[in-house]
Amino acid sequence: ERNMISGMIGDIYITVEGGPGVSQEARAAYARGAVVVPLMRTGGASDGMFNFPQGALQKPSLCTEEQWALLKSKDAPVEQSATAAAAF
């Protein structure tokens, strides 16, 4: 229940790794039109597991190609990926 409520209150969600609960929050948020930004490099739900919303794994319009690449890349320096995520 907490996961569903959490998914109903924000406008932008940045997910880090996660399991079924993170995926449930992301699905609820995405379904109501919130922007979901997964830090895919961290794996788990944020990389598409646990029925994470597939649309949220596509680059949102408010994100540059460079930022999106940093959110995805396991090889990019962590500091750069964190800076990209914080830009939202």
N, C-alpha and C. Protein backbone atom coordinates (compact mmCIF):
# COMPACT_ATOMS: atom_id res chain seq x y z
N GLU A 1 0.82 -1.19 0.00
CA GLU A 1 0.00 0.00 0.00
C GLU A 1 0.87 1.25 0.00
N ARG A 2 1.93 1.26 0.80
CA ARG A 2 2.83 2.41 0.84
C ARG A 2 3.41 2.69 -0.53
N ASN A 3 3.77 1.62 -1.27
CA ASN A 3 4.35 1.81 -2.60
C ASN A 3 3.37 2.49 -3.55
N MET A 4 2.12 2.12 -3.47
CA MET A 4 1.11 2.74 -4.33
C MET A 4 0.93 4.21 -3.96
N ILE A 5 0.91 4.51 -2.68
CA ILE A 5 0.76 5.90 -2.23
C ILE A 5 1.97 6.72 -2.66
N SER A 6 3.17 6.18 -2.49
CA SER A 6 4.38 6.89 -2.90
C SER A 6 4.36 7.19 -4.39
N GLY A 7 3.81 6.29 -5.17
CA GLY A 7 3.72 6.48 -6.61
C GLY A 7 2.68 7.48 -7.04
N MET A 8 1.90 7.97 -6.11
CA MET A 8 0.82 8.90 -6.44
C MET A 8 1.11 10.35 -6.06
N ILE A 9 2.28 10.65 -5.48
CA ILE A 9 2.47 11.99 -4.94
C ILE A 9 3.53 12.85 -5.62
N GLY A 10 4.41 12.29 -6.41
CA GLY A 10 5.50 13.08 -7.00
C GLY A 10 5.26 13.40 -8.46
N ASP A 11 6.06 14.34 -8.95
CA ASP A 11 6.01 14.70 -10.37
C ASP A 11 7.17 14.07 -11.14
N ILE A 12 8.31 13.92 -10.46
CA ILE A 12 9.48 13.29 -11.06
C ILE A 12 10.02 12.27 -10.07
N TYR A 13 10.26 11.07 -10.54
CA TYR A 13 10.80 9.99 -9.71
C TYR A 13 12.15 9.56 -10.28
N ILE A 14 13.16 9.55 -9.46
CA ILE A 14 14.46 9.01 -9.85
C ILE A 14 14.62 7.72 -9.08
N THR A 15 14.76 6.61 -9.81
CA THR A 15 14.88 5.32 -9.14
C THR A 15 16.32 4.84 -9.17
N VAL A 16 16.72 4.19 -8.09
CA VAL A 16 18.05 3.62 -7.95
C VAL A 16 17.89 2.16 -7.58
N GLU A 17 18.41 1.29 -8.45
CA GLU A 17 18.34 -0.16 -8.26
C GLU A 17 16.90 -0.55 -7.92
N GLY A 18 16.70 -1.28 -6.85
CA GLY A 18 15.36 -1.59 -6.38
C GLY A 18 14.84 -2.96 -6.77
N GLY A 19 13.80 -3.32 -6.07
CA GLY A 19 13.13 -4.59 -6.27
C GLY A 19 11.69 -4.38 -6.68
N PRO A 20 10.83 -5.33 -6.34
CA PRO A 20 9.42 -5.23 -6.72
C PRO A 20 8.73 -3.97 -6.20
N GLY A 21 9.10 -3.49 -5.03
CA GLY A 21 8.47 -2.29 -4.48
C GLY A 21 8.78 -1.05 -5.29
N VAL A 22 10.03 -0.90 -5.68
CA VAL A 22 10.42 0.24 -6.52
C VAL A 22 9.69 0.17 -7.85
N SER A 23 9.60 -1.02 -8.40
CA SER A 23 8.90 -1.19 -9.67
C SER A 23 7.42 -0.84 -9.53
N GLN A 24 6.81 -1.23 -8.44
CA GLN A 24 5.39 -0.91 -8.20
C GLN A 24 5.20 0.60 -8.10
N GLU A 25 6.07 1.30 -7.38
CA GLU A 25 5.99 2.75 -7.28
C GLU A 25 6.15 3.39 -8.65
N ALA A 26 7.14 2.91 -9.41
CA ALA A 26 7.39 3.46 -10.74
C ALA A 26 6.20 3.24 -11.66
N ARG A 27 5.59 2.07 -11.61
CA ARG A 27 4.40 1.80 -12.45
C ARG A 27 3.26 2.75 -12.09
N ALA A 28 3.03 2.95 -10.81
CA ALA A 28 1.94 3.84 -10.38
C ALA A 28 2.21 5.27 -10.84
N ALA A 29 3.45 5.72 -10.67
CA ALA A 29 3.82 7.09 -11.06
C ALA A 29 3.71 7.26 -12.58
N TYR A 30 4.28 6.32 -13.31
CA TYR A 30 4.28 6.40 -14.77
C TYR A 30 2.85 6.36 -15.33
N ALA A 31 2.02 5.52 -14.74
CA ALA A 31 0.64 5.39 -15.21
C ALA A 31 -0.15 6.69 -15.07
N ARG A 32 0.21 7.51 -14.11
CA ARG A 32 -0.52 8.78 -13.94
C ARG A 32 0.18 9.95 -14.60
N GLY A 33 1.27 9.67 -15.34
CA GLY A 33 1.91 10.72 -16.13
C GLY A 33 3.13 11.37 -15.51
N ALA A 34 3.57 10.88 -14.36
CA ALA A 34 4.79 11.44 -13.76
C ALA A 34 6.00 11.00 -14.59
N VAL A 35 7.06 11.77 -14.53
CA VAL A 35 8.30 11.41 -15.21
C VAL A 35 9.07 10.46 -14.29
N VAL A 36 9.45 9.31 -14.81
CA VAL A 36 10.22 8.32 -14.06
C VAL A 36 11.59 8.24 -14.72
N VAL A 37 12.63 8.53 -13.95
CA VAL A 37 14.00 8.54 -14.46
C VAL A 37 14.78 7.45 -13.74
N PRO A 38 14.99 6.31 -14.40
CA PRO A 38 15.72 5.22 -13.75
C PRO A 38 17.23 5.39 -13.89
N LEU A 39 17.94 5.21 -12.81
CA LEU A 39 19.40 5.17 -12.85
C LEU A 39 19.75 3.73 -13.24
N MET A 40 19.65 3.45 -14.52
CA MET A 40 19.72 2.08 -15.05
C MET A 40 21.04 1.38 -14.71
N ARG A 41 22.10 2.14 -14.57
CA ARG A 41 23.40 1.55 -14.28
C ARG A 41 23.42 0.78 -12.97
N THR A 42 22.43 1.03 -12.11
CA THR A 42 22.41 0.38 -10.80
C THR A 42 21.76 -0.99 -10.80
N GLY A 43 21.13 -1.36 -11.93
CA GLY A 43 20.53 -2.68 -12.04
C GLY A 43 19.16 -2.78 -11.38
N GLY A 44 18.72 -4.00 -11.15
CA GLY A 44 17.45 -4.26 -10.50
C GLY A 44 16.27 -3.66 -11.25
N ALA A 45 15.29 -3.20 -10.51
CA ALA A 45 14.08 -2.62 -11.10
C ALA A 45 14.44 -1.46 -12.03
N SER A 46 15.42 -0.66 -11.64
CA SER A 46 15.79 0.51 -12.43
C SER A 46 16.38 0.15 -13.78
N ASP A 47 16.71 -1.11 -13.97
CA ASP A 47 17.23 -1.58 -15.25
C ASP A 47 16.21 -2.47 -15.97
N GLY A 48 14.94 -2.40 -15.53
CA GLY A 48 13.88 -3.09 -16.24
C GLY A 48 13.35 -4.36 -15.60
N MET A 49 13.89 -4.76 -14.47
CA MET A 49 13.40 -5.97 -13.81
C MET A 49 12.07 -5.71 -13.08
N PHE A 50 11.41 -6.77 -12.68
CA PHE A 50 10.22 -6.73 -11.82
C PHE A 50 9.06 -5.95 -12.43
N ASN A 51 8.92 -6.07 -13.76
CA ASN A 51 7.80 -5.41 -14.45
C ASN A 51 7.88 -3.88 -14.35
N PHE A 52 9.09 -3.35 -14.35
CA PHE A 52 9.29 -1.90 -14.39
C PHE A 52 8.63 -1.37 -15.66
N PRO A 53 8.01 -0.19 -15.63
CA PRO A 53 7.32 0.30 -16.83
C PRO A 53 8.30 0.50 -17.99
N GLN A 54 8.06 -0.19 -19.09
CA GLN A 54 8.96 -0.13 -20.24
C GLN A 54 9.08 1.27 -20.82
N GLY A 55 8.02 2.03 -20.78
CA GLY A 55 8.07 3.41 -21.28
C GLY A 55 9.03 4.27 -20.50
N ALA A 56 9.22 3.96 -19.23
CA ALA A 56 10.14 4.74 -18.39
C ALA A 56 11.59 4.41 -18.69
N LEU A 57 11.82 3.37 -19.47
CA LEU A 57 13.19 3.02 -19.86
C LEU A 57 13.59 3.71 -21.16
N GLN A 58 12.72 4.59 -21.64
CA GLN A 58 13.00 5.40 -22.83
C GLN A 58 13.34 6.82 -22.38
N LYS A 59 14.24 7.48 -23.09
CA LYS A 59 14.70 8.82 -22.71
C LYS A 59 13.53 9.80 -22.66
N PRO A 60 13.33 10.45 -21.50
CA PRO A 60 12.28 11.47 -21.42
C PRO A 60 12.71 12.74 -22.16
N SER A 61 11.77 13.53 -22.60
CA SER A 61 12.07 14.73 -23.38
C SER A 61 12.88 15.76 -22.61
N LEU A 62 12.79 15.77 -21.30
CA LEU A 62 13.52 16.76 -20.52
C LEU A 62 14.97 16.36 -20.23
N CYS A 63 15.42 15.30 -20.85
CA CYS A 63 16.75 14.74 -20.63
C CYS A 63 17.56 14.82 -21.93
N THR A 64 18.81 15.24 -21.82
CA THR A 64 19.67 15.26 -23.01
C THR A 64 20.18 13.85 -23.30
N GLU A 65 20.66 13.65 -24.50
CA GLU A 65 21.25 12.35 -24.87
C GLU A 65 22.44 12.04 -23.97
N GLU A 66 23.25 13.05 -23.66
CA GLU A 66 24.41 12.85 -22.80
C GLU A 66 24.00 12.43 -21.38
N GLN A 67 23.00 13.10 -20.82
CA GLN A 67 22.51 12.73 -19.49
C GLN A 67 21.99 11.29 -19.49
N TRP A 68 21.21 10.95 -20.52
CA TRP A 68 20.62 9.62 -20.60
C TRP A 68 21.71 8.56 -20.67
N ALA A 69 22.74 8.83 -21.46
CA ALA A 69 23.86 7.89 -21.58
C ALA A 69 24.55 7.69 -20.23
N LEU A 70 24.68 8.76 -19.46
CA LEU A 70 25.31 8.65 -18.14
C LEU A 70 24.45 7.88 -17.15
N LEU A 71 23.14 7.96 -17.28
CA LEU A 71 22.25 7.21 -16.40
C LEU A 71 22.30 5.71 -16.72
N LYS A 72 22.62 5.38 -17.96
CA LYS A 72 22.64 3.99 -18.40
C LYS A 72 24.00 3.31 -18.21
N SER A 73 25.07 4.05 -18.39
CA SER A 73 26.41 3.46 -18.49
C SER A 73 26.98 2.99 -17.16
N LYS A 74 27.33 1.72 -17.11
CA LYS A 74 28.01 1.18 -15.93
C LYS A 74 29.49 1.57 -15.93
N ASP A 75 29.98 2.07 -17.06
CA ASP A 75 31.38 2.45 -17.19
C ASP A 75 31.64 3.92 -16.89
N ALA A 76 30.61 4.74 -16.91
CA ALA A 76 30.78 6.17 -16.63
C ALA A 76 31.15 6.37 -15.16
N PRO A 77 31.93 7.38 -14.86
CA PRO A 77 32.23 7.67 -13.45
C PRO A 77 30.93 7.93 -12.67
N VAL A 78 30.85 7.38 -11.48
CA VAL A 78 29.65 7.53 -10.65
C VAL A 78 29.30 8.99 -10.44
N GLU A 79 30.29 9.83 -10.25
CA GLU A 79 30.05 11.26 -10.02
C GLU A 79 29.31 11.88 -11.20
N GLN A 80 29.68 11.49 -12.42
CA GLN A 80 29.01 12.03 -13.59
C GLN A 80 27.58 11.53 -13.71
N SER A 81 27.34 10.27 -13.39
CA SER A 81 25.97 9.75 -13.42
C SER A 81 25.12 10.43 -12.37
N ALA A 82 25.69 10.64 -11.18
CA ALA A 82 24.96 11.33 -10.11
C ALA A 82 24.62 12.76 -10.51
N THR A 83 25.55 13.43 -11.16
CA THR A 83 25.29 14.80 -11.62
C THR A 83 24.17 14.82 -12.66
N ALA A 84 24.17 13.83 -13.55
CA ALA A 84 23.12 13.74 -14.55
C ALA A 84 21.76 13.53 -13.89
N ALA A 85 21.70 12.67 -12.89
CA ALA A 85 20.45 12.40 -12.19
C ALA A 85 19.98 13.64 -11.41
N ALA A 86 20.92 14.34 -10.81
CA ALA A 86 20.57 15.53 -10.02
C ALA A 86 20.06 16.68 -10.88
N ALA A 87 20.33 16.63 -12.18
CA ALA A 87 19.89 17.70 -13.07
C ALA A 87 18.37 17.75 -13.21
N PHE A 88 17.69 16.70 -12.80
CA PHE A 88 16.24 16.67 -12.91
C PHE A 88 15.63 17.42 -11.76
